Structure formats: structure tokens, C-alpha cells
Amino acid sequence: MSAAARLPEVSTGPAGRRVAAVHLACAWVALEDVRLDEARDELDKARVANAESPDALLAALHDLLTARLDVAAGHPDRALTVLGAIGGDAAGTPWFRRRMRLVEAEAHLAGDAPVEAMRAARAVGGAEGAVTLARVHLHERLPDAASRTVRPVLREPSAPAAVRVEAWLLDAYLAYREEDTSRGRRSLERALRLGERERIGLPFARARNWLLPALRQDPELVRPHRRFLGPLGLGGGSDDTAADPAVLARLSKRELEVLILLSRMLTTDEIATELYISVNTVKTHLKNIYRKLAVTRRGEAVRRARRYRLL
């Protein structure tokens, strides 16, 4: 639960507030661990609990985490809408303003708006802003600027663990890009050790496009971190195999379509709207998917589908 320790202190006197705070902490951890469905469930529970004894800071934290989750799930526009609706005293505290700016930068970057992302990242400042700014530079195909920006963060031991993980990953990418495999491997190994210890998987999932080929060429580096990388689809072996023909044959075309939308964190109602079918039909498809994949929950279905390379 180390990631949850970064949440600010909140008043947890009434039972509803205590329960809401616990669910928010669990949502934070699940998000860092790339268990997006569980994070969404925890946020829903936090919202219900906070409604029993409303607390403005908890409500603002709920919305902030919801925005982060929306970015991770591929909905940057939705994240910006959520951020724009956050108000009250909580949004005026320095800690919260920085968090909002960071998520705003992430959303703009994911939405292919680098100018807005750069503006938000510069407003954050510090190591956190520098790492995000370096990612913007890479998006703009400015690797030298990215390297200059991220280099000081690598020498900043007081930076948050998630920031250091991101910085080492960026340095690894830049090194591999320059064909400096020795430096790339060292930086990647540092990112893996820290990420596994602190249960920070989100930066690795985000870097999947370049990370997967690099890890496939270095099984010795993967081996001690397989339990960490496996659920992210980066561990090789049974967690990164080709599609299982038996499983693929059991799933209908419509069930595969539902499964794809499920992996994008769409609700049952949203899936029904997307496919022009009824909610009850979606529920029937979900039951069939769970049965055929031998799972009982949405997140398990998505993880198993990724293991079989169905997604």
C-alpha cells in the first residue's frame, strides 16, 4: 500500500468517511498496479460511502483518481471533463493543484495535444513536471531535449518512487534508441526493481510498445521480474503467448467484440450502446465470456484474454 501513502491526510471521523478513504487508497493502489477494473470498483464504492457523510476533500480525491483512471483507460477527453468539474477548497491546496496539473498534462498528451501538455507540465515543475515534460519532448520527436530534461531526475533520490520509475524507463528508452544497450539495460533494471518493490506498474504498461521487444531480447532481465511483468503482458512465457486456438474457437465474434469493449473499461450500458444491442444481451454475452474463460469477474476476463493474446 506504499502508493496510497502519498494521499493527503483527510478527516476520517464518521464511519462513511473512513470507508470512503479506504476505498480511495485501494483505488490508488489498484491503478498503480494496472488493475483498472478493480480501481473503478473501488472508486464506485468510495463515492457511495462518501455520500453517507460528505467530505469535500474525499470527493475531490475521488474525481482526481477518476480522471487518472480515464487517462489510463484511453479516455483523455473524459478525464479533462472530470478535472474541469473539480472545485471547492480542496482544489486550491498546493498538493492538489499539482496533482490536477499532472493529470491534465497526461490527458493532453494522451489526446495528442502536446502544446497544452507542455504548458501543464511546466506549471507543475519539479521532478514530476520534468518527467512529464520529457515525455512531451519524445512525443514531439525531440530526444535530445527529453534527455536533458530527464537527466537531473535520475540524480534526485528524494523524488517520488513513481517519478523515478518513469525517469529510469525514459532513460532506458533513450539509451536503446541510441543503441547503447548497456546503459539501457542498467536503467531498465533499476526501473524494474523499484517498480516491483513499490507495486508501480502503470509506467510499464504505458511503455509497452517499445518495452515488449526489448524484454523479448533479454530473457535474463525478465526472469527475476516475471511475476511483476506477467500480469502486465510483458513477462513472456505463459503470460505472453499466442492466442489459444481452443479458447478462440469457443468465443463468438460478438463475444470478442464485447471483450474488446470490456478491456476499454466501458460499462455494460456503454457496451450496449456501442454495439446497438440491449443491456440484457450484453449481460448474456458477459456470462458466456466468463464461463468460456473460466473466470468470474471483468478484470479476470480481460487479463486472461490478454494472456491468450485475444486483445
Foldseek 3Di string as FASTA:
>chain_A
DVQLVPDDDDDCPDPLSVLLSVLLSVLRLCVLLVLLVSSVVSLVSSVVSCVVPPDLLSVLSSLLSVLLSCLLLLNLVVSVVSLVPRDDPNCVDLVNVLSSLLSNLSSCVSVVNLVSNLVSLVVNDDLSSLLSNLVSCVVVVNNVSSCVSLVVVCVPPPDDLLSLLSSLCSQLVSCVVVVVNVSNLVSNLVSLVSCVVSSRCSSVLVVVVVQQVVCVVPVVSLVVRLVSCLLSCRRDDLSPDEADVVLVVQQDPVLLLLLVVLSSVDDLVRSCVVVVHDSVVSVVSVVSLCVSLVHDDSSVSNSSCSSNPSD
